[in-house]
C-alpha cells in the first residue's frame, strides 16, 4: 500500500522529469502542494540519490540525475 508521502514524491518526480530543473518555489507553484511537502519529497529523492542540487546564488535548483534508479518502496506486510 502506498503512503500519502509516496504520492507527493511521485508528483515531484514526474514534474522534475518534464522540466529538467526547478527551484522549490517553482515546484510548489506547479504541484499546488505546500512548501513543506515539496521539501520533504525532495529530501526523500535526495536520500535515494535521485536528484542533483545546483546552488545558484541563494536558490537551489533541483533536477533528476541521469540514469538514477527508481525509488524502492518499503513493503508494509509486517506492519501491525
Protein backbone atom coordinates (compact mmCIF):
# COMPACT_ATOMS: atom_id res chain seq x y z
CA UNK A 1 0.00 0.00 0.00
CA UNK A 2 1.38 3.44 -0.87
CA UNK A 3 1.56 6.10 1.78
CA UNK A 4 0.37 9.63 1.15
CA UNK A 5 4.01 10.77 1.06
CA UNK A 6 4.73 8.42 -1.84
CA UNK A 7 2.12 10.22 -3.95
CA UNK A 8 3.81 13.55 -3.27
CA UNK A 9 7.23 12.10 -4.16
CA UNK A 10 5.79 10.65 -7.38
CA UNK A 11 4.26 14.01 -8.29
CA UNK A 12 7.51 15.92 -7.68
CA UNK A 13 9.49 13.25 -9.54
CA UNK A 14 7.14 13.45 -12.52
CA UNK A 15 7.37 17.25 -12.75
CA UNK A 16 11.16 17.19 -12.48
CA UNK A 17 11.28 14.66 -15.33
CA UNK A 18 9.33 17.03 -17.56
CA UNK A 19 11.05 20.27 -16.55
CA UNK A 20 14.72 19.48 -16.26
CA UNK A 21 15.33 21.61 -13.17
CA UNK A 22 13.28 23.76 -10.79
CA UNK A 23 13.55 25.61 -7.51
CA UNK A 24 11.34 24.71 -4.55
CA UNK A 25 9.16 27.76 -5.25
CA UNK A 26 8.65 26.68 -8.87
CA UNK A 27 7.80 23.14 -7.73
CA UNK A 28 5.28 24.49 -5.21
CA UNK A 29 3.59 26.52 -7.95
CA UNK A 30 3.49 23.60 -10.40
CA UNK A 31 2.37 20.91 -7.92
CA UNK A 32 -0.06 23.09 -5.93
CA UNK A 33 1.37 21.46 -2.79
CA UNK A 34 2.67 23.27 0.28
CA UNK A 35 6.37 24.07 0.60
CA UNK A 36 6.89 21.61 3.46
CA UNK A 37 5.51 18.68 1.43
CA UNK A 38 7.67 19.56 -1.57
CA UNK A 39 10.76 19.91 0.63
CA UNK A 40 10.10 16.52 2.24
CA UNK A 41 9.66 14.89 -1.18
CA UNK A 42 12.93 16.43 -2.37
CA UNK A 43 14.69 15.17 0.76
CA UNK A 44 13.42 11.63 0.04
CA UNK A 45 14.56 11.86 -3.57
CA UNK A 46 17.93 13.23 -2.45
CA UNK A 47 18.30 10.38 0.08
CA UNK A 48 17.62 7.90 -2.71
CA UNK A 49 20.28 9.68 -4.80
CA UNK A 50 17.73 10.55 -7.48
CA UNK A 51 18.23 14.34 -7.57
CA UNK A 52 21.12 16.67 -8.08
CA UNK A 53 21.16 20.08 -6.46
CA UNK A 54 22.79 23.07 -8.07
CA UNK A 55 23.16 26.20 -5.97
CA UNK A 56 22.65 29.42 -7.92
CA UNK A 57 23.02 32.42 -5.64
CA UNK A 58 20.53 31.96 -2.82
CA UNK A 59 18.42 29.44 -4.76
CA UNK A 60 18.84 25.71 -5.16
CA UNK A 61 17.80 24.16 -8.46
CA UNK A 62 16.70 20.53 -8.23
CA UNK A 63 16.85 18.16 -11.19
CA UNK A 64 16.77 14.41 -11.63
CA UNK A 65 20.07 12.62 -12.02
CA UNK A 66 20.65 10.91 -15.34
CA UNK A 67 20.23 7.15 -15.04
CA UNK A 68 19.06 7.26 -11.42
CA UNK A 69 17.23 4.11 -10.34
CA UNK A 70 13.55 4.33 -9.44
CA UNK A 71 12.96 4.60 -5.70
CA UNK A 72 12.12 1.35 -3.99
CA UNK A 73 9.16 1.43 -1.68
CA UNK A 74 9.12 -0.44 1.58
CA UNK A 75 6.69 -3.30 1.76
CA UNK A 76 4.28 -2.86 4.68
CA UNK A 77 3.37 -6.56 5.06
CA UNK A 78 4.98 -6.72 8.51
CA UNK A 79 3.28 -3.55 9.76
CA UNK A 80 0.82 -4.05 12.58
